[in-house]
Amino acid sequence: MANPLPGEKEIYEKIKKENIKIHPLVWQLIDHHINNDLYMINLILGSTILDGEILSEENANKILSHSKEIAAFLEDLGKATRRD
């Protein structure tokens, strides 16, 4: 992970200790949306690198679009599930 959250290790420990679970429907949404966008980003970057090409403006915009989709999904999920 590029930029871990301060105290992230402790957060994971607390989740395990308190047996905090995420509802299967939430996992279904996460798996579908985030994995689809990450797959597309990897596909674009992978094909560019394997072809020995420089990332085109078109493909860079596609990657940005998928990144924005991830952010929008997380915002929507947060609005639907946060308690605070």
N, C-alpha and C. Protein backbone atom coordinates (compact mmCIF):
# COMPACT_ATOMS: atom_id res chain seq x y z
N MET A 1 0.85 -1.17 0.00
CA MET A 1 0.00 0.00 0.00
C MET A 1 0.89 1.23 0.00
N ALA A 2 0.62 2.15 -0.87
CA ALA A 2 1.48 3.31 -1.06
C ALA A 2 1.47 4.27 0.13
N ASN A 3 0.32 4.49 0.70
CA ASN A 3 0.20 5.49 1.75
C ASN A 3 -0.70 4.96 2.86
N PRO A 4 -0.15 4.14 3.76
CA PRO A 4 -1.00 3.57 4.80
C PRO A 4 -1.57 4.64 5.74
N LEU A 5 -2.71 4.36 6.24
CA LEU A 5 -3.37 5.22 7.21
C LEU A 5 -2.60 5.16 8.53
N PRO A 6 -2.40 6.30 9.19
CA PRO A 6 -1.75 6.24 10.50
C PRO A 6 -2.55 5.32 11.43
N GLY A 7 -1.88 4.42 12.08
CA GLY A 7 -2.55 3.49 12.99
C GLY A 7 -3.30 2.38 12.27
N GLU A 8 -3.01 2.17 10.99
CA GLU A 8 -3.75 1.17 10.21
C GLU A 8 -3.62 -0.23 10.80
N LYS A 9 -2.43 -0.58 11.24
CA LYS A 9 -2.22 -1.90 11.83
C LYS A 9 -3.14 -2.10 13.03
N GLU A 10 -3.25 -1.07 13.85
CA GLU A 10 -4.11 -1.15 15.03
C GLU A 10 -5.58 -1.25 14.64
N ILE A 11 -5.95 -0.58 13.56
CA ILE A 11 -7.34 -0.66 13.08
C ILE A 11 -7.66 -2.08 12.68
N TYR A 12 -6.77 -2.72 11.92
CA TYR A 12 -6.99 -4.12 11.53
C TYR A 12 -7.08 -5.03 12.75
N GLU A 13 -6.21 -4.78 13.73
CA GLU A 13 -6.25 -5.58 14.96
C GLU A 13 -7.59 -5.42 15.68
N LYS A 14 -8.10 -4.19 15.74
CA LYS A 14 -9.38 -3.93 16.41
C LYS A 14 -10.52 -4.61 15.64
N ILE A 15 -10.49 -4.55 14.32
CA ILE A 15 -11.51 -5.21 13.50
C ILE A 15 -11.53 -6.71 13.80
N LYS A 16 -10.35 -7.32 13.85
CA LYS A 16 -10.28 -8.75 14.14
C LYS A 16 -10.74 -9.05 15.57
N LYS A 17 -10.26 -8.26 16.53
CA LYS A 17 -10.58 -8.49 17.94
C LYS A 17 -12.08 -8.35 18.20
N GLU A 18 -12.70 -7.34 17.59
CA GLU A 18 -14.12 -7.08 17.81
C GLU A 18 -15.01 -7.82 16.82
N ASN A 19 -14.38 -8.62 15.94
CA ASN A 19 -15.11 -9.43 14.97
C ASN A 19 -16.09 -8.58 14.15
N ILE A 20 -15.59 -7.44 13.65
CA ILE A 20 -16.40 -6.53 12.86
C ILE A 20 -16.53 -7.11 11.45
N LYS A 21 -17.75 -7.23 10.99
CA LYS A 21 -18.02 -7.84 9.68
C LYS A 21 -18.71 -6.84 8.76
N ILE A 22 -18.50 -7.03 7.47
CA ILE A 22 -19.17 -6.23 6.45
C ILE A 22 -20.22 -7.11 5.80
N HIS A 23 -21.42 -6.58 5.65
CA HIS A 23 -22.52 -7.34 5.07
C HIS A 23 -22.16 -7.84 3.67
N PRO A 24 -22.57 -9.07 3.33
CA PRO A 24 -22.27 -9.63 2.01
C PRO A 24 -22.73 -8.75 0.84
N LEU A 25 -23.83 -8.03 0.98
CA LEU A 25 -24.28 -7.15 -0.10
C LEU A 25 -23.31 -6.01 -0.35
N VAL A 26 -22.72 -5.51 0.73
CA VAL A 26 -21.72 -4.46 0.59
C VAL A 26 -20.50 -5.01 -0.13
N TRP A 27 -20.07 -6.23 0.25
CA TRP A 27 -18.93 -6.85 -0.42
C TRP A 27 -19.23 -7.10 -1.89
N GLN A 28 -20.46 -7.46 -2.20
CA GLN A 28 -20.84 -7.67 -3.59
C GLN A 28 -20.66 -6.39 -4.40
N LEU A 29 -21.10 -5.27 -3.85
CA LEU A 29 -20.93 -3.98 -4.53
C LEU A 29 -19.45 -3.62 -4.69
N ILE A 30 -18.69 -3.79 -3.62
CA ILE A 30 -17.25 -3.47 -3.67
C ILE A 30 -16.56 -4.32 -4.72
N ASP A 31 -16.79 -5.63 -4.65
CA ASP A 31 -16.16 -6.54 -5.62
C ASP A 31 -16.51 -6.16 -7.05
N HIS A 32 -17.76 -5.87 -7.29
CA HIS A 32 -18.19 -5.57 -8.66
C HIS A 32 -17.59 -4.26 -9.17
N HIS A 33 -17.84 -3.19 -8.46
CA HIS A 33 -17.45 -1.87 -8.96
C HIS A 33 -15.94 -1.64 -8.96
N ILE A 34 -15.32 -1.88 -7.82
CA ILE A 34 -13.89 -1.59 -7.74
C ILE A 34 -13.09 -2.56 -8.61
N ASN A 35 -13.41 -3.83 -8.53
CA ASN A 35 -12.66 -4.80 -9.34
C ASN A 35 -12.83 -4.56 -10.83
N ASN A 36 -14.01 -4.17 -11.28
CA ASN A 36 -14.21 -3.89 -12.71
C ASN A 36 -13.35 -2.71 -13.16
N ASP A 37 -13.36 -1.64 -12.39
CA ASP A 37 -12.57 -0.47 -12.76
C ASP A 37 -11.07 -0.76 -12.69
N LEU A 38 -10.64 -1.47 -11.65
CA LEU A 38 -9.22 -1.83 -11.56
C LEU A 38 -8.81 -2.75 -12.70
N TYR A 39 -9.68 -3.66 -13.08
CA TYR A 39 -9.39 -4.54 -14.20
C TYR A 39 -9.16 -3.72 -15.48
N MET A 40 -10.02 -2.75 -15.71
CA MET A 40 -9.88 -1.92 -16.91
C MET A 40 -8.60 -1.09 -16.88
N ILE A 41 -8.27 -0.53 -15.72
CA ILE A 41 -7.03 0.23 -15.58
C ILE A 41 -5.83 -0.68 -15.87
N ASN A 42 -5.84 -1.86 -15.28
CA ASN A 42 -4.74 -2.80 -15.51
C ASN A 42 -4.66 -3.24 -16.97
N LEU A 43 -5.80 -3.42 -17.59
CA LEU A 43 -5.84 -3.82 -19.00
C LEU A 43 -5.22 -2.74 -19.89
N ILE A 44 -5.60 -1.49 -19.64
CA ILE A 44 -5.07 -0.37 -20.42
C ILE A 44 -3.55 -0.24 -20.22
N LEU A 45 -3.13 -0.24 -18.96
CA LEU A 45 -1.70 -0.09 -18.68
C LEU A 45 -0.91 -1.30 -19.16
N GLY A 46 -1.45 -2.48 -18.92
CA GLY A 46 -0.75 -3.70 -19.32
C GLY A 46 -0.55 -3.79 -20.82
N SER A 47 -1.58 -3.48 -21.59
CA SER A 47 -1.45 -3.56 -23.04
C SER A 47 -0.49 -2.48 -23.56
N THR A 48 -0.48 -1.33 -22.92
CA THR A 48 0.43 -0.26 -23.33
C THR A 48 1.88 -0.68 -23.07
N ILE A 49 2.14 -1.19 -21.88
CA ILE A 49 3.50 -1.58 -21.50
C ILE A 49 3.97 -2.77 -22.34
N LEU A 50 3.10 -3.78 -22.50
CA LEU A 50 3.49 -4.96 -23.28
C LEU A 50 3.76 -4.63 -24.74
N ASP A 51 3.05 -3.64 -25.25
CA ASP A 51 3.26 -3.22 -26.64
C ASP A 51 4.46 -2.27 -26.76
N GLY A 52 5.06 -1.90 -25.63
CA GLY A 52 6.21 -1.00 -25.64
C GLY A 52 5.85 0.41 -26.05
N GLU A 53 4.62 0.80 -25.82
CA GLU A 53 4.16 2.13 -26.22
C GLU A 53 4.14 3.09 -25.05
N ILE A 54 4.04 4.35 -25.38
CA ILE A 54 3.85 5.40 -24.39
C ILE A 54 2.35 5.55 -24.20
N LEU A 55 1.95 5.81 -22.97
CA LEU A 55 0.54 5.97 -22.66
C LEU A 55 -0.04 7.14 -23.45
N SER A 56 -1.04 6.86 -24.26
CA SER A 56 -1.66 7.91 -25.07
C SER A 56 -2.57 8.78 -24.21
N GLU A 57 -2.86 9.94 -24.72
CA GLU A 57 -3.78 10.84 -24.01
C GLU A 57 -5.15 10.18 -23.85
N GLU A 58 -5.58 9.49 -24.89
CA GLU A 58 -6.88 8.80 -24.83
C GLU A 58 -6.90 7.76 -23.71
N ASN A 59 -5.85 6.94 -23.64
CA ASN A 59 -5.81 5.92 -22.59
C ASN A 59 -5.63 6.53 -21.21
N ALA A 60 -4.86 7.61 -21.11
CA ALA A 60 -4.71 8.30 -19.83
C ALA A 60 -6.07 8.82 -19.36
N ASN A 61 -6.86 9.35 -20.26
CA ASN A 61 -8.20 9.83 -19.91
C ASN A 61 -9.11 8.68 -19.50
N LYS A 62 -8.95 7.53 -20.14
CA LYS A 62 -9.74 6.36 -19.75
C LYS A 62 -9.39 5.93 -18.33
N ILE A 63 -8.10 5.94 -18.01
CA ILE A 63 -7.66 5.58 -16.66
C ILE A 63 -8.21 6.57 -15.64
N LEU A 64 -8.12 7.86 -15.96
CA LEU A 64 -8.68 8.87 -15.06
C LEU A 64 -10.18 8.67 -14.86
N SER A 65 -10.87 8.31 -15.92
CA SER A 65 -12.31 8.07 -15.83
C SER A 65 -12.61 6.91 -14.89
N HIS A 66 -11.85 5.82 -15.02
CA HIS A 66 -12.07 4.67 -14.13
C HIS A 66 -11.70 5.01 -12.69
N SER A 67 -10.66 5.81 -12.50
CA SER A 67 -10.29 6.25 -11.15
C SER A 67 -11.40 7.09 -10.53
N LYS A 68 -12.00 7.96 -11.32
CA LYS A 68 -13.11 8.78 -10.84
C LYS A 68 -14.33 7.93 -10.53
N GLU A 69 -14.54 6.86 -11.31
CA GLU A 69 -15.65 5.94 -11.03
C GLU A 69 -15.46 5.27 -9.68
N ILE A 70 -14.23 4.87 -9.37
CA ILE A 70 -13.95 4.27 -8.06
C ILE A 70 -14.26 5.26 -6.95
N ALA A 71 -13.79 6.48 -7.10
CA ALA A 71 -14.03 7.51 -6.08
C ALA A 71 -15.52 7.78 -5.91
N ALA A 72 -16.24 7.87 -7.01
CA ALA A 72 -17.69 8.12 -6.94
C ALA A 72 -18.41 6.96 -6.27
N PHE A 73 -18.01 5.74 -6.61
CA PHE A 73 -18.63 4.57 -5.97
C PHE A 73 -18.39 4.61 -4.47
N LEU A 74 -17.15 4.86 -4.05
CA LEU A 74 -16.85 4.90 -2.62
C LEU A 74 -17.63 6.00 -1.91
N GLU A 75 -17.81 7.13 -2.58
CA GLU A 75 -18.62 8.21 -2.00
C GLU A 75 -20.07 7.77 -1.83
N ASP A 76 -20.63 7.15 -2.86
CA ASP A 76 -22.02 6.66 -2.77
C ASP A 76 -22.17 5.60 -1.69
N LEU A 77 -21.20 4.69 -1.63
CA LEU A 77 -21.25 3.64 -0.62
C LEU A 77 -21.15 4.24 0.78
N GLY A 78 -20.27 5.22 0.93
CA GLY A 78 -20.13 5.89 2.22
C GLY A 78 -21.43 6.58 2.65
N LYS A 79 -22.08 7.27 1.72
CA LYS A 79 -23.34 7.94 2.03
C LYS A 79 -24.41 6.93 2.48
N ALA A 80 -24.39 5.76 1.88
CA ALA A 80 -25.41 4.75 2.18
C ALA A 80 -25.11 3.97 3.46
N THR A 81 -23.84 3.96 3.91
CA THR A 81 -23.50 3.05 5.01
C THR A 81 -22.90 3.70 6.24
N ARG A 82 -22.45 4.94 6.16
CA ARG A 82 -21.79 5.55 7.32
C ARG A 82 -22.79 5.89 8.41
N ARG A 83 -22.31 5.77 9.62
CA ARG A 83 -23.13 6.11 10.80
C ARG A 83 -22.90 7.54 11.26
N ASP A 84 -21.74 8.11 10.94
CA ASP A 84 -21.40 9.44 11.45
C ASP A 84 -21.88 10.54 10.58
